[in-house]
């Protein structure tokens, strides 16, 4: 399934729809794939908002790998720096079991749980993005 958005606002709204879906279906991982600047964090803000998390509290982090919103059972995992950290040291499976996880740079993981959604994001132009979802 492919979805197009034409603004940051639409990308956040699409994220909110995904967030509602994953909560209803008890999906544990939303794995995001795409180059730098395609909108992974913007989409994550929308997903987080469906969990009652203020979008200004969700940031793309250069140094924090896991941002926990434990009161909402939500975890934002950014693996951009994983090349300098051993995946096994992170024990991400604990987070996958505890709540819903959005994983940026998911291509750096060797395995995902069975109940995951993969979303590949491509930038078409400054405003247009295409999201290809795989369940």
C-alpha atoms as a PDB file:
ATOM      1  CA  UNK A   1       0.000   0.000   0.000  1.00  0.00           C
ATOM      2  CA  UNK A   2       1.321   3.458  -0.929  1.00  0.00           C
ATOM      3  CA  UNK A   3       0.205   6.708   0.685  1.00  0.00           C
ATOM      4  CA  UNK A   4       1.247  10.190  -0.444  1.00  0.00           C
ATOM      5  CA  UNK A   5       1.389  13.273   1.756  1.00  0.00           C
ATOM      6  CA  UNK A   6       1.888  16.797   0.503  1.00  0.00           C
ATOM      7  CA  UNK A   7       2.779  18.722   3.658  1.00  0.00           C
ATOM      8  CA  UNK A   8       4.220  18.280   7.137  1.00  0.00           C
ATOM      9  CA  UNK A   9       0.695  18.604   8.528  1.00  0.00           C
ATOM     10  CA  UNK A  10      -0.549  15.727   6.335  1.00  0.00           C
ATOM     11  CA  UNK A  11       2.438  13.582   7.339  1.00  0.00           C
ATOM     12  CA  UNK A  12       1.630  14.119  11.029  1.00  0.00           C
ATOM     13  CA  UNK A  13      -2.035  13.339  10.396  1.00  0.00           C
ATOM     14  CA  UNK A  14      -1.060  10.138   8.595  1.00  0.00           C
ATOM     15  CA  UNK A  15       1.127   9.281  11.603  1.00  0.00           C
ATOM     16  CA  UNK A  16      -1.820   9.816  13.925  1.00  0.00           C
ATOM     17  CA  UNK A  17      -3.893   7.404  11.841  1.00  0.00           C
ATOM     18  CA  UNK A  18      -1.094   4.818  12.003  1.00  0.00           C
ATOM     19  CA  UNK A  19      -0.851   5.315  15.767  1.00  0.00           C
ATOM     20  CA  UNK A  20      -4.557   4.675  16.226  1.00  0.00           C
ATOM     21  CA  UNK A  21      -4.302   1.563  14.059  1.00  0.00           C
ATOM     22  CA  UNK A  22      -1.327   0.067  15.920  1.00  0.00           C
ATOM     23  CA  UNK A  23      -3.036   0.625  19.269  1.00  0.00           C
ATOM     24  CA  UNK A  24      -6.238  -1.037  18.090  1.00  0.00           C
ATOM     25  CA  UNK A  25      -4.365  -3.978  16.539  1.00  0.00           C
ATOM     26  CA  UNK A  26      -1.747  -4.325  19.333  1.00  0.00           C
ATOM     27  CA  UNK A  27       1.154  -3.918  16.914  1.00  0.00           C
ATOM     28  CA  UNK A  28       4.422  -3.586  18.793  1.00  0.00           C
ATOM     29  CA  UNK A  29       6.841  -2.106  16.247  1.00  0.00           C
ATOM     30  CA  UNK A  30       6.529   0.511  13.528  1.00  0.00           C
ATOM     31  CA  UNK A  31       9.807   0.223  11.612  1.00  0.00           C
ATOM     32  CA  UNK A  32      10.717   3.302   9.551  1.00  0.00           C
ATOM     33  CA  UNK A  33      13.089   3.198   6.583  1.00  0.00           C
ATOM     34  CA  UNK A  34      14.396   6.114   4.555  1.00  0.00           C
ATOM     35  CA  UNK A  35      17.231   8.514   4.000  1.00  0.00           C
ATOM     36  CA  UNK A  36      18.061  11.488   6.201  1.00  0.00           C
ATOM     37  CA  UNK A  37      15.402  14.184   5.968  1.00  0.00           C
ATOM     38  CA  UNK A  38      12.559  12.154   4.442  1.00  0.00           C
ATOM     39  CA  UNK A  39      10.211  12.708   7.381  1.00  0.00           C
ATOM     40  CA  UNK A  40      10.744   9.811   9.785  1.00  0.00           C
ATOM     41  CA  UNK A  41      10.609  12.044  12.846  1.00  0.00           C
ATOM     42  CA  UNK A  42       7.631  14.042  11.539  1.00  0.00           C
ATOM     43  CA  UNK A  43       5.733  10.775  11.065  1.00  0.00           C
ATOM     44  CA  UNK A  44       6.827   9.670  14.553  1.00  0.00           C
ATOM     45  CA  UNK A  45       5.416  12.904  16.022  1.00  0.00           C
ATOM     46  CA  UNK A  46       2.047  12.054  14.496  1.00  0.00           C
ATOM     47  CA  UNK A  47       2.152   8.480  15.774  1.00  0.00           C
ATOM     48  CA  UNK A  48       3.126   9.680  19.254  1.00  0.00           C
ATOM     49  CA  UNK A  49       0.277  12.199  19.288  1.00  0.00           C
ATOM     50  CA  UNK A  50      -2.231   9.337  19.027  1.00  0.00           C
ATOM     51  CA  UNK A  51      -0.766   8.090  22.330  1.00  0.00           C
ATOM     52  CA  UNK A  52      -1.391  11.483  23.950  1.00  0.00           C
ATOM     53  CA  UNK A  53       2.235  12.633  23.671  1.00  0.00           C
ATOM     54  CA  UNK A  54       2.810  16.273  22.742  1.00  0.00           C
ATOM     55  CA  UNK A  55       4.639  16.439  19.421  1.00  0.00           C
ATOM     56  CA  UNK A  56       7.124  18.993  20.772  1.00  0.00           C
ATOM     57  CA  UNK A  57       8.348  16.275  23.172  1.00  0.00           C
ATOM     58  CA  UNK A  58       9.349  14.032  20.235  1.00  0.00           C
ATOM     59  CA  UNK A  59      12.664  14.939  18.648  1.00  0.00           C
ATOM     60  CA  UNK A  60      15.159  13.405  16.305  1.00  0.00           C
ATOM     61  CA  UNK A  61      18.038  12.661  18.561  1.00  0.00           C
ATOM     62  CA  UNK A  62      21.677  12.457  17.695  1.00  0.00           C
ATOM     63  CA  UNK A  63      22.744  10.902  20.964  1.00  0.00           C
ATOM     64  CA  UNK A  64      19.724   9.389  22.729  1.00  0.00           C
ATOM     65  CA  UNK A  65      18.875   6.052  21.198  1.00  0.00           C
ATOM     66  CA  UNK A  66      15.674   5.332  23.149  1.00  0.00           C
ATOM     67  CA  UNK A  67      13.249   8.002  24.311  1.00  0.00           C
ATOM     68  CA  UNK A  68      10.816   6.436  26.769  1.00  0.00           C
ATOM     69  CA  UNK A  69       7.287   7.621  27.357  1.00  0.00           C
ATOM     70  CA  UNK A  70       6.592   4.836  29.826  1.00  0.00           C
ATOM     71  CA  UNK A  71       3.352   6.330  31.153  1.00  0.00           C
ATOM     72  CA  UNK A  72       2.001   5.920  27.588  1.00  0.00           C
ATOM     73  CA  UNK A  73       3.738   2.579  26.812  1.00  0.00           C
ATOM     74  CA  UNK A  74       5.463   4.275  23.880  1.00  0.00           C
ATOM     75  CA  UNK A  75       9.133   4.207  22.890  1.00  0.00           C
ATOM     76  CA  UNK A  76      10.863   6.220  20.173  1.00  0.00           C
ATOM     77  CA  UNK A  77      14.013   4.409  19.079  1.00  0.00           C
ATOM     78  CA  UNK A  78      16.480   6.167  16.781  1.00  0.00           C
ATOM     79  CA  UNK A  79      19.193   3.841  15.500  1.00  0.00           C
ATOM     80  CA  UNK A  80      21.099   6.409  13.464  1.00  0.00           C
ATOM     81  CA  UNK A  81      24.198   5.877  15.620  1.00  0.00           C
ATOM     82  CA  UNK A  82      23.848   2.092  15.886  1.00  0.00           C
ATOM     83  CA  UNK A  83      27.002   1.532  13.844  1.00  0.00           C
ATOM     84  CA  UNK A  84      28.978   2.615  16.927  1.00  0.00           C
ATOM     85  CA  UNK A  85      26.880   0.504  19.311  1.00  0.00           C
ATOM     86  CA  UNK A  86      26.304  -3.229  19.358  1.00  0.00           C
ATOM     87  CA  UNK A  87      22.609  -4.086  18.790  1.00  0.00           C
ATOM     88  CA  UNK A  88      22.737  -6.833  21.422  1.00  0.00           C
ATOM     89  CA  UNK A  89      23.933  -4.318  24.037  1.00  0.00           C
ATOM     90  CA  UNK A  90      20.732  -2.309  23.612  1.00  0.00           C
ATOM     91  CA  UNK A  91      18.368  -5.213  24.344  1.00  0.00           C
ATOM     92  CA  UNK A  92      15.654  -3.643  22.210  1.00  0.00           C
ATOM     93  CA  UNK A  93      13.476  -6.741  22.580  1.00  0.00           C
ATOM     94  CA  UNK A  94      12.653  -5.624  26.130  1.00  0.00           C
ATOM     95  CA  UNK A  95      11.179  -2.421  24.693  1.00  0.00           C
ATOM     96  CA  UNK A  96       9.366  -4.356  21.948  1.00  0.00           C
ATOM     97  CA  UNK A  97       7.656  -6.428  24.651  1.00  0.00           C
ATOM     98  CA  UNK A  98       6.821  -3.496  26.951  1.00  0.00           C
ATOM     99  CA  UNK A  99       4.899  -1.229  24.601  1.00  0.00           C
ATOM    100  CA  UNK A 100       4.658   0.244  21.129  1.00  0.00           C
ATOM    101  CA  UNK A 101       7.978   1.193  19.548  1.00  0.00           C
ATOM    102  CA  UNK A 102       8.627   3.440  16.574  1.00  0.00           C
ATOM    103  CA  UNK A 103      12.077   2.617  15.209  1.00  0.00           C
ATOM    104  CA  UNK A 104      13.846   5.125  12.968  1.00  0.00           C
ATOM    105  CA  UNK A 105      16.658   3.700  10.806  1.00  0.00           C
ATOM    106  CA  UNK A 106      15.158   0.207  11.228  1.00  0.00           C
ATOM    107  CA  UNK A 107      17.399  -1.095   8.434  1.00  0.00           C
ATOM    108  CA  UNK A 108      20.110  -1.322  11.101  1.00  0.00           C
ATOM    109  CA  UNK A 109      18.235  -4.098  12.901  1.00  0.00           C
ATOM    110  CA  UNK A 110      18.779  -7.726  12.015  1.00  0.00           C
ATOM    111  CA  UNK A 111      15.316  -8.870  13.154  1.00  0.00           C
ATOM    112  CA  UNK A 112      11.896  -7.442  13.950  1.00  0.00           C
ATOM    113  CA  UNK A 113       9.051  -9.032  15.903  1.00  0.00           C
ATOM    114  CA  UNK A 114       6.324 -10.712  13.867  1.00  0.00           C
ATOM    115  CA  UNK A 115       3.758  -8.052  14.805  1.00  0.00           C
ATOM    116  CA  UNK A 116       5.545  -5.182  13.057  1.00  0.00           C
ATOM    117  CA  UNK A 117       4.705  -2.710  10.323  1.00  0.00           C
ATOM    118  CA  UNK A 118       7.445  -1.634   7.924  1.00  0.00           C
ATOM    119  CA  UNK A 119       7.142   1.811   6.359  1.00  0.00           C
ATOM    120  CA  UNK A 120       9.537   2.902   3.619  1.00  0.00           C
ATOM    121  CA  UNK A 121       9.563   6.655   3.061  1.00  0.00           C
ATOM    122  CA  UNK A 122      10.716   8.439  -0.074  1.00  0.00           C
ATOM    123  CA  UNK A 123      11.005  12.161  -0.639  1.00  0.00           C
ATOM    124  CA  UNK A 124       9.526  13.173  -3.997  1.00  0.00           C
ATOM    125  CA  UNK A 125      10.033  16.941  -3.639  1.00  0.00           C
ATOM    126  CA  UNK A 126      10.215  19.483  -0.778  1.00  0.00           C
ATOM    127  CA  UNK A 127       6.646  18.755   0.316  1.00  0.00           C
ATOM    128  CA  UNK A 128       5.694  15.386  -1.182  1.00  0.00           C
ATOM    129  CA  UNK A 129       6.466  12.069   0.440  1.00  0.00           C
ATOM    130  CA  UNK A 130       5.415   8.552  -0.447  1.00  0.00           C
ATOM    131  CA  UNK A 131       4.951   5.975   2.292  1.00  0.00           C
ATOM    132  CA  UNK A 132       5.041   2.324   1.293  1.00  0.00           C
ATOM    133  CA  UNK A 133       3.644   0.113   4.011  1.00  0.00           C
ATOM    134  CA  UNK A 134       4.246  -3.589   4.539  1.00  0.00           C
ATOM    135  CA  UNK A 135       2.347  -5.547   7.162  1.00  0.00           C
END
